[in-house]
PDB file of N, CA and C in Angstrom:
ATOM      1  N   UNK A   1     -11.997 -57.862  16.002  1.00  0.00           N
ATOM      2  CA  UNK A   1     -12.007 -56.223  16.894  1.00  0.00           C
ATOM      3  C   UNK A   1     -11.513 -55.454  15.976  1.00  0.00           C
ATOM      4  N   UNK A   2     -10.424 -55.605  15.358  1.00  0.00           N
ATOM      5  CA  UNK A   2      -9.662 -54.502  14.458  1.00  0.00           C
ATOM      6  C   UNK A   2     -10.583 -54.234  13.148  1.00  0.00           C
ATOM      7  N   UNK A   3     -11.699 -55.157  12.960  1.00  0.00           N
ATOM      8  CA  UNK A   3     -12.405 -55.073  11.945  1.00  0.00           C
ATOM      9  C   UNK A   3     -13.608 -54.157  11.994  1.00  0.00           C
ATOM     10  N   UNK A   4     -14.111 -54.252  13.498  1.00  0.00           N
ATOM     11  CA  UNK A   4     -14.848 -52.938  13.755  1.00  0.00           C
ATOM     12  C   UNK A   4     -14.419 -51.684  13.692  1.00  0.00           C
ATOM     13  N   UNK A   5     -12.895 -51.940  14.686  1.00  0.00           N
ATOM     14  CA  UNK A   5     -12.321 -50.514  14.849  1.00  0.00           C
ATOM     15  C   UNK A   5     -11.672 -49.661  13.511  1.00  0.00           C
ATOM     16  N   UNK A   6     -11.572 -50.811  12.148  1.00  0.00           N
ATOM     17  CA  UNK A   6     -11.124 -50.249  10.622  1.00  0.00           C
ATOM     18  C   UNK A   6     -12.224 -49.483  10.410  1.00  0.00           C
ATOM     19  N   UNK A   7     -13.839 -49.615  10.713  1.00  0.00           N
ATOM     20  CA  UNK A   7     -14.653 -48.904  10.294  1.00  0.00           C
ATOM     21  C   UNK A   7     -14.621 -47.401  10.842  1.00  0.00           C
ATOM     22  N   UNK A   8     -13.572 -47.260  12.164  1.00  0.00           N
ATOM     23  CA  UNK A   8     -13.826 -46.046  12.641  1.00  0.00           C
ATOM     24  C   UNK A   8     -12.780 -45.420  12.359  1.00  0.00           C
ATOM     25  N   UNK A   9     -11.910 -46.250  11.302  1.00  0.00           N
ATOM     26  CA  UNK A   9      -9.994 -45.450  11.069  1.00  0.00           C
ATOM     27  C   UNK A   9      -9.304 -45.546  12.482  1.00  0.00           C
ATOM     28  N   UNK A  10      -9.562 -46.518  13.198  1.00  0.00           N
ATOM     29  CA  UNK A  10      -8.612 -46.617  14.670  1.00  0.00           C
ATOM     30  C   UNK A  10      -8.406 -48.252  14.633  1.00  0.00           C
ATOM     31  N   UNK A  11      -7.260 -47.853  13.970  1.00  0.00           N
ATOM     32  CA  UNK A  11      -6.795 -49.774  14.251  1.00  0.00           C
ATOM     33  C   UNK A  11      -5.673 -50.171  15.529  1.00  0.00           C
ATOM     34  N   UNK A  12      -4.733 -48.890  15.513  1.00  0.00           N
ATOM     35  CA  UNK A  12      -3.734 -49.066  16.170  1.00  0.00           C
ATOM     36  C   UNK A  12      -3.998 -48.234  17.623  1.00  0.00           C
ATOM     37  N   UNK A  13      -4.355 -48.753  18.547  1.00  0.00           N
ATOM     38  CA  UNK A  13      -4.297 -48.968  19.506  1.00  0.00           C
ATOM     39  C   UNK A  13      -3.928 -49.776  21.116  1.00  0.00           C
ATOM     40  N   UNK A  14      -3.383 -49.021  22.257  1.00  0.00           N
ATOM     41  CA  UNK A  14      -3.223 -50.012  22.733  1.00  0.00           C
ATOM     42  C   UNK A  14      -4.446 -51.003  24.002  1.00  0.00           C
ATOM     43  N   UNK A  15      -4.244 -51.648  24.614  1.00  0.00           N
ATOM     44  CA  UNK A  15      -5.195 -52.351  25.237  1.00  0.00           C
ATOM     45  C   UNK A  15      -5.027 -51.660  27.039  1.00  0.00           C
ATOM     46  N   UNK A  16      -6.080 -50.929  27.722  1.00  0.00           N
ATOM     47  CA  UNK A  16      -5.521 -50.406  28.722  1.00  0.00           C
ATOM     48  C   UNK A  16      -6.122 -51.470  29.679  1.00  0.00           C
ATOM     49  N   UNK A  17      -5.089 -52.185  29.943  1.00  0.00           N
ATOM     50  CA  UNK A  17      -5.285 -53.545  31.331  1.00  0.00           C
ATOM     51  C   UNK A  17      -5.203 -53.234  32.460  1.00  0.00           C
ATOM     52  N   UNK A  18      -5.796 -53.171  33.228  1.00  0.00           N
ATOM     53  CA  UNK A  18      -5.738 -52.818  34.611  1.00  0.00           C
ATOM     54  C   UNK A  18      -5.593 -54.009  35.535  1.00  0.00           C
ATOM     55  N   UNK A  19      -5.124 -54.895  34.832  1.00  0.00           N
ATOM     56  CA  UNK A  19      -4.612 -55.928  35.883  1.00  0.00           C
ATOM     57  C   UNK A  19      -5.489 -56.961  36.578  1.00  0.00           C
ATOM     58  N   UNK A  20      -6.450 -56.668  36.257  1.00  0.00           N
ATOM     59  CA  UNK A  20      -7.949 -57.345  36.642  1.00  0.00           C
ATOM     60  C   UNK A  20      -7.763 -58.949  36.107  1.00  0.00           C
ATOM     61  N   UNK A  21      -8.066 -59.846  36.925  1.00  0.00           N
ATOM     62  CA  UNK A  21      -7.891 -61.202  36.746  1.00  0.00           C
ATOM     63  C   UNK A  21      -8.592 -61.637  34.909  1.00  0.00           C
ATOM     64  N   UNK A  22      -9.564 -61.145  35.106  1.00  0.00           N
ATOM     65  CA  UNK A  22     -10.182 -61.372  33.577  1.00  0.00           C
ATOM     66  C   UNK A  22      -9.086 -61.102  32.508  1.00  0.00           C
ATOM     67  N   UNK A  23      -8.521 -60.121  32.731  1.00  0.00           N
ATOM     68  CA  UNK A  23      -7.885 -59.383  31.321  1.00  0.00           C
ATOM     69  C   UNK A  23      -6.409 -60.420  31.420  1.00  0.00           C
ATOM     70  N   UNK A  24      -6.299 -61.213  32.171  1.00  0.00           N
ATOM     71  CA  UNK A  24      -4.661 -62.223  32.421  1.00  0.00           C
ATOM     72  C   UNK A  24      -5.401 -63.810  31.947  1.00  0.00           C
ATOM     73  N   UNK A  25      -6.226 -63.850  31.399  1.00  0.00           N
ATOM     74  CA  UNK A  25      -6.441 -65.348  31.101  1.00  0.00           C
ATOM     75  C   UNK A  25      -5.831 -65.432  29.923  1.00  0.00           C
ATOM     76  N   UNK A  26      -5.901 -67.039  29.722  1.00  0.00           N
ATOM     77  CA  UNK A  26      -5.147 -67.228  28.244  1.00  0.00           C
ATOM     78  C   UNK A  26      -6.148 -67.204  27.193  1.00  0.00           C
ATOM     79  N   UNK A  27      -7.096 -67.206  27.477  1.00  0.00           N
ATOM     80  CA  UNK A  27      -8.006 -66.838  26.475  1.00  0.00           C
ATOM     81  C   UNK A  27      -7.980 -65.324  26.070  1.00  0.00           C
ATOM     82  N   UNK A  28      -7.695 -64.207  26.799  1.00  0.00           N
ATOM     83  CA  UNK A  28      -7.599 -62.890  26.768  1.00  0.00           C
ATOM     84  C   UNK A  28      -6.266 -62.774  25.930  1.00  0.00           C
ATOM     85  N   UNK A  29      -5.060 -62.993  26.557  1.00  0.00           N
ATOM     86  CA  UNK A  29      -3.603 -63.178  26.067  1.00  0.00           C
ATOM     87  C   UNK A  29      -4.152 -63.891  24.207  1.00  0.00           C
ATOM     88  N   UNK A  30      -4.512 -64.847  24.111  1.00  0.00           N
ATOM     89  CA  UNK A  30      -4.631 -65.099  22.909  1.00  0.00           C
ATOM     90  C   UNK A  30      -5.222 -64.050  21.770  1.00  0.00           C
ATOM     91  N   UNK A  31      -6.502 -63.722  22.078  1.00  0.00           N
ATOM     92  CA  UNK A  31      -7.480 -62.598  21.893  1.00  0.00           C
ATOM     93  C   UNK A  31      -6.144 -61.473  21.350  1.00  0.00           C
ATOM     94  N   UNK A  32      -6.019 -60.929  22.371  1.00  0.00           N
ATOM     95  CA  UNK A  32      -4.760 -59.627  22.245  1.00  0.00           C
ATOM     96  C   UNK A  32      -3.786 -59.966  20.835  1.00  0.00           C
ATOM     97  N   UNK A  33      -3.517 -61.099  21.492  1.00  0.00           N
ATOM     98  CA  UNK A  33      -1.829 -61.399  20.401  1.00  0.00           C
ATOM     99  C   UNK A  33      -2.666 -61.740  18.895  1.00  0.00           C
ATOM    100  N   UNK A  34      -3.496 -62.480  18.792  1.00  0.00           N
ATOM    101  CA  UNK A  34      -4.234 -62.679  17.644  1.00  0.00           C
ATOM    102  C   UNK A  34      -4.500 -61.450  16.641  1.00  0.00           C
ATOM    103  N   UNK A  35      -5.001 -60.221  17.311  1.00  0.00           N
ATOM    104  CA  UNK A  35      -4.939 -59.147  16.750  1.00  0.00           C
ATOM    105  C   UNK A  35      -3.937 -58.435  17.004  1.00  0.00           C
ATOM    106  N   UNK A  36      -3.069 -58.860  17.343  1.00  0.00           N
ATOM    107  CA  UNK A  36      -1.804 -57.186  17.363  1.00  0.00           C
ATOM    108  C   UNK A  36      -1.820 -56.411  18.332  1.00  0.00           C
ATOM    109  N   UNK A  37      -2.609 -56.586  19.095  1.00  0.00           N
ATOM    110  CA  UNK A  37      -2.746 -55.657  20.471  1.00  0.00           C
ATOM    111  C   UNK A  37      -2.011 -55.456  21.671  1.00  0.00           C
ATOM    112  N   UNK A  38      -1.472 -54.628  21.721  1.00  0.00           N
ATOM    113  CA  UNK A  38      -0.228 -54.243  22.696  1.00  0.00           C
ATOM    114  C   UNK A  38      -1.106 -53.897  23.912  1.00  0.00           C
ATOM    115  N   UNK A  39      -0.340 -54.362  25.081  1.00  0.00           N
ATOM    116  CA  UNK A  39      -1.024 -54.251  26.273  1.00  0.00           C
ATOM    117  C   UNK A  39      -0.530 -52.981  26.704  1.00  0.00           C
ATOM    118  N   UNK A  40      -0.871 -51.867  27.242  1.00  0.00           N
ATOM    119  CA  UNK A  40      -0.331 -50.682  27.847  1.00  0.00           C
ATOM    120  C   UNK A  40       0.378 -50.951  29.562  1.00  0.00           C
ATOM    121  N   UNK A  41       1.434 -51.035  29.498  1.00  0.00           N
ATOM    122  CA  UNK A  41       1.879 -51.258  31.248  1.00  0.00           C
ATOM    123  C   UNK A  41       1.145 -50.168  31.880  1.00  0.00           C
ATOM    124  N   UNK A  42       0.551 -50.776  33.220  1.00  0.00           N
ATOM    125  CA  UNK A  42      -0.213 -50.372  33.964  1.00  0.00           C
ATOM    126  C   UNK A  42       0.014 -50.664  35.290  1.00  0.00           C
ATOM    127  N   UNK A  43      -0.229 -49.567  36.353  1.00  0.00           N
ATOM    128  CA  UNK A  43       0.451 -49.704  37.804  1.00  0.00           C
ATOM    129  C   UNK A  43      -0.490 -50.144  38.129  1.00  0.00           C
ATOM    130  N   UNK A  44      -0.051 -51.845  39.355  1.00  0.00           N
ATOM    131  CA  UNK A  44      -1.069 -52.522  40.054  1.00  0.00           C
ATOM    132  C   UNK A  44      -1.739 -51.382  40.946  1.00  0.00           C
ATOM    133  N   UNK A  45      -3.112 -52.192  41.373  1.00  0.00           N
ATOM    134  CA  UNK A  45      -3.965 -51.332  42.070  1.00  0.00           C
ATOM    135  C   UNK A  45      -4.307 -50.254  41.966  1.00  0.00           C
ATOM    136  N   UNK A  46      -4.781 -49.936  40.652  1.00  0.00           N
ATOM    137  CA  UNK A  46      -5.035 -48.438  40.318  1.00  0.00           C
ATOM    138  C   UNK A  46      -6.259 -48.101  39.302  1.00  0.00           C
ATOM    139  N   UNK A  47      -7.000 -48.638  39.532  1.00  0.00           N
ATOM    140  CA  UNK A  47      -8.418 -48.609  39.000  1.00  0.00           C
ATOM    141  C   UNK A  47      -8.887 -47.013  38.571  1.00  0.00           C
ATOM    142  N   UNK A  48      -8.475 -46.451  39.301  1.00  0.00           N
ATOM    143  CA  UNK A  48      -8.669 -44.863  39.377  1.00  0.00           C
ATOM    144  C   UNK A  48      -8.303 -43.977  38.311  1.00  0.00           C
ATOM    145  N   UNK A  49      -7.510 -44.608  37.599  1.00  0.00           N
ATOM    146  CA  UNK A  49      -6.389 -43.949  36.425  1.00  0.00           C
ATOM    147  C   UNK A  49      -7.555 -44.489  34.957  1.00  0.00           C
ATOM    148  N   UNK A  50      -7.987 -45.459  34.933  1.00  0.00           N
ATOM    149  CA  UNK A  50      -8.734 -46.011  33.903  1.00  0.00           C
ATOM    150  C   UNK A  50     -10.255 -45.232  34.104  1.00  0.00           C
ATOM    151  N   UNK A  51     -10.122 -44.614  33.263  1.00  0.00           N
ATOM    152  CA  UNK A  51     -11.599 -43.492  32.536  1.00  0.00           C
ATOM    153  C   UNK A  51     -13.002 -44.987  32.890  1.00  0.00           C
ATOM    154  N   UNK A  52     -13.002 -45.660  32.234  1.00  0.00           N
ATOM    155  CA  UNK A  52     -13.826 -46.903  31.853  1.00  0.00           C
ATOM    156  C   UNK A  52     -14.558 -47.481  33.322  1.00  0.00           C
ATOM    157  N   UNK A  53     -13.649 -47.261  34.504  1.00  0.00           N
ATOM    158  CA  UNK A  53     -13.468 -47.540  35.570  1.00  0.00           C
ATOM    159  C   UNK A  53     -15.093 -46.966  36.470  1.00  0.00           C
ATOM    160  N   UNK A  54     -14.897 -45.411  35.911  1.00  0.00           N
ATOM    161  CA  UNK A  54     -15.778 -44.392  36.490  1.00  0.00           C
ATOM    162  C   UNK A  54     -17.029 -44.489  35.809  1.00  0.00           C
ATOM    163  N   UNK A  55     -16.928 -45.424  34.368  1.00  0.00           N
ATOM    164  CA  UNK A  55     -18.202 -44.899  33.785  1.00  0.00           C
ATOM    165  C   UNK A  55     -18.853 -46.117  34.216  1.00  0.00           C
ATOM    166  N   UNK A  56     -18.680 -47.116  34.557  1.00  0.00           N
ATOM    167  CA  UNK A  56     -19.265 -48.105  35.430  1.00  0.00           C
ATOM    168  C   UNK A  56     -19.642 -47.880  36.533  1.00  0.00           C
ATOM    169  N   UNK A  57     -18.928 -47.373  37.165  1.00  0.00           N
ATOM    170  CA  UNK A  57     -19.687 -46.502  38.581  1.00  0.00           C
ATOM    171  C   UNK A  57     -20.847 -46.009  38.207  1.00  0.00           C
ATOM    172  N   UNK A  58     -20.777 -44.880  37.323  1.00  0.00           N
ATOM    173  CA  UNK A  58     -22.071 -43.979  36.914  1.00  0.00           C
ATOM    174  C   UNK A  58     -23.048 -45.212  36.358  1.00  0.00           C
ATOM    175  N   UNK A  59     -23.134 -46.256  35.438  1.00  0.00           N
ATOM    176  CA  UNK A  59     -23.600 -46.748  34.967  1.00  0.00           C
ATOM    177  C   UNK A  59     -24.458 -47.592  36.360  1.00  0.00           C
ATOM    178  N   UNK A  60     -23.534 -48.364  36.882  1.00  0.00           N
ATOM    179  CA  UNK A  60     -23.964 -49.207  38.510  1.00  0.00           C
ATOM    180  C   UNK A  60     -24.704 -47.909  39.609  1.00  0.00           C
ATOM    181  N   UNK A  61     -24.230 -46.833  39.556  1.00  0.00           N
ATOM    182  CA  UNK A  61     -25.260 -46.148  40.403  1.00  0.00           C
ATOM    183  C   UNK A  61     -26.725 -45.794  39.755  1.00  0.00           C
ATOM    184  N   UNK A  62     -26.833 -45.202  38.709  1.00  0.00           N
ATOM    185  CA  UNK A  62     -27.645 -44.924  37.736  1.00  0.00           C
ATOM    186  C   UNK A  62     -28.878 -46.531  37.428  1.00  0.00           C
ATOM    187  N   UNK A  63     -28.506 -47.685  37.864  1.00  0.00           N
ATOM    188  CA  UNK A  63     -29.160 -48.620  37.336  1.00  0.00           C
ATOM    189  C   UNK A  63     -29.383 -49.033  39.333  1.00  0.00           C
ATOM    190  N   UNK A  64     -28.671 -48.959  40.082  1.00  0.00           N
ATOM    191  CA  UNK A  64     -29.078 -48.926  41.591  1.00  0.00           C
ATOM    192  C   UNK A  64     -30.013 -47.888  41.974  1.00  0.00           C
ATOM    193  N   UNK A  65     -30.591 -46.611  40.999  1.00  0.00           N
ATOM    194  CA  UNK A  65     -31.061 -45.809  41.705  1.00  0.00           C
ATOM    195  C   UNK A  65     -32.300 -45.703  40.970  1.00  0.00           C
ATOM    196  N   UNK A  66     -32.817 -46.432  40.042  1.00  0.00           N
ATOM    197  CA  UNK A  66     -33.913 -46.831  38.842  1.00  0.00           C
ATOM    198  C   UNK A  66     -34.976 -47.600  40.375  1.00  0.00           C
ATOM    199  N   UNK A  67     -36.392 -47.708  40.228  1.00  0.00           N
ATOM    200  CA  UNK A  67     -37.420 -47.911  41.110  1.00  0.00           C
ATOM    201  C   UNK A  67     -37.323 -49.322  41.152  1.00  0.00           C
ATOM    202  N   UNK A  68     -36.899 -49.860  39.951  1.00  0.00           N
ATOM    203  CA  UNK A  68     -37.606 -51.739  39.449  1.00  0.00           C
ATOM    204  C   UNK A  68     -35.575 -52.070  38.766  1.00  0.00           C
ATOM    205  N   UNK A  69     -35.324 -52.989  39.754  1.00  0.00           N
ATOM    206  CA  UNK A  69     -34.035 -53.700  38.913  1.00  0.00           C
ATOM    207  C   UNK A  69     -34.175 -54.360  37.860  1.00  0.00           C
ATOM    208  N   UNK A  70     -33.523 -54.472  37.090  1.00  0.00           N
ATOM    209  CA  UNK A  70     -33.477 -55.385  35.717  1.00  0.00           C
ATOM    210  C   UNK A  70     -33.711 -56.639  36.553  1.00  0.00           C
ATOM    211  N   UNK A  71     -34.296 -57.801  36.032  1.00  0.00           N
ATOM    212  CA  UNK A  71     -34.466 -59.013  36.790  1.00  0.00           C
ATOM    213  C   UNK A  71     -33.892 -59.843  35.367  1.00  0.00           C
ATOM    214  N   UNK A  72     -33.701 -59.854  34.536  1.00  0.00           N
ATOM    215  CA  UNK A  72     -33.011 -60.955  33.554  1.00  0.00           C
ATOM    216  C   UNK A  72     -32.077 -59.950  32.746  1.00  0.00           C
ATOM    217  N   UNK A  73     -31.285 -60.872  32.215  1.00  0.00           N
ATOM    218  CA  UNK A  73     -30.158 -60.482  31.422  1.00  0.00           C
ATOM    219  C   UNK A  73     -30.310 -59.307  30.054  1.00  0.00           C
ATOM    220  N   UNK A  74     -31.611 -59.652  29.942  1.00  0.00           N
ATOM    221  CA  UNK A  74     -31.793 -58.803  28.449  1.00  0.00           C
ATOM    222  C   UNK A  74     -32.229 -57.546  29.369  1.00  0.00           C
ATOM    223  N   UNK A  75     -33.102 -57.579  30.302  1.00  0.00           N
ATOM    224  CA  UNK A  75     -33.335 -56.316  31.217  1.00  0.00           C
ATOM    225  C   UNK A  75     -32.064 -55.271  31.198  1.00  0.00           C
ATOM    226  N   UNK A  76     -30.965 -55.936  31.636  1.00  0.00           N
ATOM    227  CA  UNK A  76     -30.213 -55.379  32.487  1.00  0.00           C
ATOM    228  C   UNK A  76     -29.269 -55.281  31.193  1.00  0.00           C
ATOM    229  N   UNK A  77     -29.555 -55.773  29.702  1.00  0.00           N
ATOM    230  CA  UNK A  77     -28.384 -55.284  28.831  1.00  0.00           C
ATOM    231  C   UNK A  77     -29.396 -53.768  28.394  1.00  0.00           C
ATOM    232  N   UNK A  78     -30.543 -53.832  27.971  1.00  0.00           N
ATOM    233  CA  UNK A  78     -31.567 -52.757  27.775  1.00  0.00           C
ATOM    234  C   UNK A  78     -31.201 -51.738  28.436  1.00  0.00           C
ATOM    235  N   UNK A  79     -31.201 -51.703  29.956  1.00  0.00           N
ATOM    236  CA  UNK A  79     -31.070 -50.437  30.759  1.00  0.00           C
ATOM    237  C   UNK A  79     -29.722 -50.035  30.608  1.00  0.00           C
ATOM    238  N   UNK A  80     -28.937 -51.036  30.700  1.00  0.00           N
ATOM    239  CA  UNK A  80     -27.164 -50.577  30.585  1.00  0.00           C
ATOM    240  C   UNK A  80     -27.098 -49.369  29.226  1.00  0.00           C
ATOM    241  N   UNK A  81     -28.226 -49.997  28.084  1.00  0.00           N
ATOM    242  CA  UNK A  81     -27.845 -49.250  26.840  1.00  0.00           C
ATOM    243  C   UNK A  81     -28.401 -47.867  27.193  1.00  0.00           C
ATOM    244  N   UNK A  82     -29.542 -47.609  27.761  1.00  0.00           N
ATOM    245  CA  UNK A  82     -29.967 -46.750  27.793  1.00  0.00           C
ATOM    246  C   UNK A  82     -29.489 -45.570  28.644  1.00  0.00           C
ATOM    247  N   UNK A  83     -28.963 -46.198  29.585  1.00  0.00           N
ATOM    248  CA  UNK A  83     -27.814 -45.248  30.790  1.00  0.00           C
ATOM    249  C   UNK A  83     -26.752 -44.816  29.986  1.00  0.00           C
ATOM    250  N   UNK A  84     -26.165 -45.596  29.393  1.00  0.00           N
ATOM    251  CA  UNK A  84     -25.284 -45.707  28.212  1.00  0.00           C
ATOM    252  C   UNK A  84     -25.557 -44.320  27.536  1.00  0.00           C
ATOM    253  N   UNK A  85     -26.644 -44.405  26.807  1.00  0.00           N
ATOM    254  CA  UNK A  85     -26.947 -43.170  25.939  1.00  0.00           C
ATOM    255  C   UNK A  85     -27.306 -42.038  26.459  1.00  0.00           C
ATOM    256  N   UNK A  86     -27.916 -41.670  27.623  1.00  0.00           N
ATOM    257  CA  UNK A  86     -27.915 -40.583  29.050  1.00  0.00           C
ATOM    258  C   UNK A  86     -27.238 -40.183  29.206  1.00  0.00           C
ATOM    259  N   UNK A  87     -25.905 -40.818  29.395  1.00  0.00           N
ATOM    260  CA  UNK A  87     -24.621 -40.602  30.089  1.00  0.00           C
ATOM    261  C   UNK A  87     -24.323 -38.998  29.526  1.00  0.00           C
ATOM    262  N   UNK A  88     -23.893 -37.939  30.214  1.00  0.00           N
ATOM    263  CA  UNK A  88     -23.693 -36.618  29.908  1.00  0.00           C
ATOM    264  C   UNK A  88     -22.095 -36.531  29.290  1.00  0.00           C
ATOM    265  N   UNK A  89     -22.226 -36.358  28.029  1.00  0.00           N
ATOM    266  CA  UNK A  89     -20.750 -35.825  27.247  1.00  0.00           C
ATOM    267  C   UNK A  89     -19.769 -35.521  28.234  1.00  0.00           C
ATOM    268  N   UNK A  90     -20.257 -34.203  28.729  1.00  0.00           N
ATOM    269  CA  UNK A  90     -19.093 -33.476  29.916  1.00  0.00           C
ATOM    270  C   UNK A  90     -18.556 -34.693  31.023  1.00  0.00           C
ATOM    271  N   UNK A  91     -19.213 -35.661  31.185  1.00  0.00           N
ATOM    272  CA  UNK A  91     -18.550 -36.516  32.113  1.00  0.00           C
ATOM    273  C   UNK A  91     -17.591 -37.366  31.687  1.00  0.00           C
ATOM    274  N   UNK A  92     -17.943 -37.891  30.422  1.00  0.00           N
ATOM    275  CA  UNK A  92     -16.669 -38.141  29.351  1.00  0.00           C
ATOM    276  C   UNK A  92     -15.591 -37.407  29.182  1.00  0.00           C
ATOM    277  N   UNK A  93     -16.015 -36.862  28.862  1.00  0.00           N
ATOM    278  CA  UNK A  93     -15.137 -35.036  28.709  1.00  0.00           C
ATOM    279  C   UNK A  93     -14.146 -34.941  29.664  1.00  0.00           C
ATOM    280  N   UNK A  94     -14.731 -35.150  30.921  1.00  0.00           N
ATOM    281  CA  UNK A  94     -14.096 -34.776  31.923  1.00  0.00           C
ATOM    282  C   UNK A  94     -13.065 -35.614  32.633  1.00  0.00           C
ATOM    283  N   UNK A  95     -13.403 -37.304  32.607  1.00  0.00           N
ATOM    284  CA  UNK A  95     -12.766 -38.193  32.701  1.00  0.00           C
ATOM    285  C   UNK A  95     -11.384 -38.042  32.012  1.00  0.00           C
ATOM    286  N   UNK A  96     -11.594 -37.982  30.511  1.00  0.00           N
ATOM    287  CA  UNK A  96     -10.399 -38.149  29.734  1.00  0.00           C
ATOM    288  C   UNK A  96      -9.518 -36.783  30.219  1.00  0.00           C
ATOM    289  N   UNK A  97      -9.953 -35.662  30.588  1.00  0.00           N
ATOM    290  CA  UNK A  97      -8.982 -34.506  30.137  1.00  0.00           C
ATOM    291  C   UNK A  97      -8.388 -34.838  31.853  1.00  0.00           C
ATOM    292  N   UNK A  98      -8.957 -35.156  32.907  1.00  0.00           N
ATOM    293  CA  UNK A  98      -8.452 -35.284  33.982  1.00  0.00           C
ATOM    294  C   UNK A  98      -7.361 -36.807  34.031  1.00  0.00           C
ATOM    295  N   UNK A  99      -7.419 -37.363  33.066  1.00  0.00           N
ATOM    296  CA  UNK A  99      -6.343 -38.594  33.447  1.00  0.00           C
ATOM    297  C   UNK A  99      -4.502 -38.200  33.303  1.00  0.00           C
ATOM    298  N   UNK A 100      -4.230 -37.206  32.881  1.00  0.00           N
ATOM    299  CA  UNK A 100      -2.930 -36.414  32.996  1.00  0.00           C
ATOM    300  C   UNK A 100      -2.479 -36.580  34.133  1.00  0.00           C
ATOM    301  N   UNK A 101      -3.318 -35.488  34.985  1.00  0.00           N
ATOM    302  CA  UNK A 101      -3.645 -35.418  36.399  1.00  0.00           C
ATOM    303  C   UNK A 101      -3.076 -36.062  37.508  1.00  0.00           C
ATOM    304  N   UNK A 102      -4.213 -37.282  36.783  1.00  0.00           N
ATOM    305  CA  UNK A 102      -4.384 -38.588  37.681  1.00  0.00           C
ATOM    306  C   UNK A 102      -3.236 -39.521  37.778  1.00  0.00           C
ATOM    307  N   UNK A 103      -2.380 -39.129  36.763  1.00  0.00           N
ATOM    308  CA  UNK A 103      -1.291 -40.096  36.364  1.00  0.00           C
ATOM    309  C   UNK A 103       0.133 -39.174  36.953  1.00  0.00           C
ATOM    310  N   UNK A 104      -0.130 -38.013  37.078  1.00  0.00           N
ATOM    311  CA  UNK A 104       0.836 -36.821  37.521  1.00  0.00           C
ATOM    312  C   UNK A 104       0.814 -37.853  39.163  1.00  0.00           C
ATOM    313  N   UNK A 105      -0.296 -37.546  39.679  1.00  0.00           N
ATOM    314  CA  UNK A 105      -0.915 -38.062  41.065  1.00  0.00           C
ATOM    315  C   UNK A 105      -0.196 -39.032  41.749  1.00  0.00           C
ATOM    316  N   UNK A 106      -0.377 -40.051  40.837  1.00  0.00           N
ATOM    317  CA  UNK A 106      -0.097 -41.787  41.205  1.00  0.00           C
ATOM    318  C   UNK A 106       1.431 -41.441  41.018  1.00  0.00           C
ATOM    319  N   UNK A 107       2.121 -40.795  40.329  1.00  0.00           N
ATOM    320  CA  UNK A 107       3.550 -40.861  40.092  1.00  0.00           C
ATOM    321  C   UNK A 107       3.984 -40.020  41.332  1.00  0.00           C
ATOM    322  N   UNK A 108       3.270 -39.104  41.677  1.00  0.00           N
ATOM    323  CA  UNK A 108       4.066 -38.639  42.829  1.00  0.00           C
ATOM    324  C   UNK A 108       3.832 -39.253  44.052  1.00  0.00           C
ATOM    325  N   UNK A 109       2.727 -40.144  44.180  1.00  0.00           N
ATOM    326  CA  UNK A 109       2.414 -40.841  45.279  1.00  0.00           C
ATOM    327  C   UNK A 109       3.402 -42.275  45.403  1.00  0.00           C
ATOM    328  N   UNK A 110       3.913 -42.296  44.119  1.00  0.00           N
ATOM    329  CA  UNK A 110       4.774 -43.612  44.110  1.00  0.00           C
ATOM    330  C   UNK A 110       3.835 -45.166  43.749  1.00  0.00           C
ATOM    331  N   UNK A 111       2.791 -44.683  43.327  1.00  0.00           N
ATOM    332  CA  UNK A 111       1.922 -45.676  42.980  1.00  0.00           C
ATOM    333  C   UNK A 111       1.108 -45.946  43.990  1.00  0.00           C
ATOM    334  N   UNK A 112       1.059 -45.029  45.223  1.00  0.00           N
ATOM    335  CA  UNK A 112       0.370 -45.569  45.751  1.00  0.00           C
ATOM    336  C   UNK A 112      -1.594 -44.968  45.702  1.00  0.00           C
ATOM    337  N   UNK A 113      -2.185 -45.133  46.905  1.00  0.00           N
ATOM    338  CA  UNK A 113      -3.514 -44.595  46.284  1.00  0.00           C
ATOM    339  C   UNK A 113      -4.165 -43.557  46.033  1.00  0.00           C
ATOM    340  N   UNK A 114      -4.635 -42.819  45.147  1.00  0.00           N
ATOM    341  CA  UNK A 114      -4.773 -41.276  44.812  1.00  0.00           C
ATOM    342  C   UNK A 114      -6.162 -41.371  45.372  1.00  0.00           C
ATOM    343  N   UNK A 115      -6.797 -39.917  45.380  1.00  0.00           N
ATOM    344  CA  UNK A 115      -7.756 -39.474  46.205  1.00  0.00           C
ATOM    345  C   UNK A 115      -9.062 -39.265  44.930  1.00  0.00           C
ATOM    346  N   UNK A 116      -9.279 -40.306  43.754  1.00  0.00           N
ATOM    347  CA  UNK A 116      -9.969 -39.835  42.657  1.00  0.00           C
ATOM    348  C   UNK A 116     -10.948 -41.261  42.698  1.00  0.00           C
TER     349      UNK A 116
END
């Protein structure tokens, strides 16, 4: 993983772990440890703090709006890549820029649900 990131000059980062079960497997833990990747402390039940969750939602809605849904894994992969490429940069910017406000709101409600 760091080999890819080194090409981007970014090899020091935290893994934004939203406590999803797939992020807590032994295999995931071993991979992160082998790459010296630290997990970011993350409140439970707070997917709205993770910009990537909103990206997945955007991609899912775009795929659902297509006339013909993908049938094979290959079709799904290609359609996801198409939708990813078509994603407005403004959406990404807004998600990143709103993160501080989301965190402040989460703290204000002591980790309860936030309306995002």
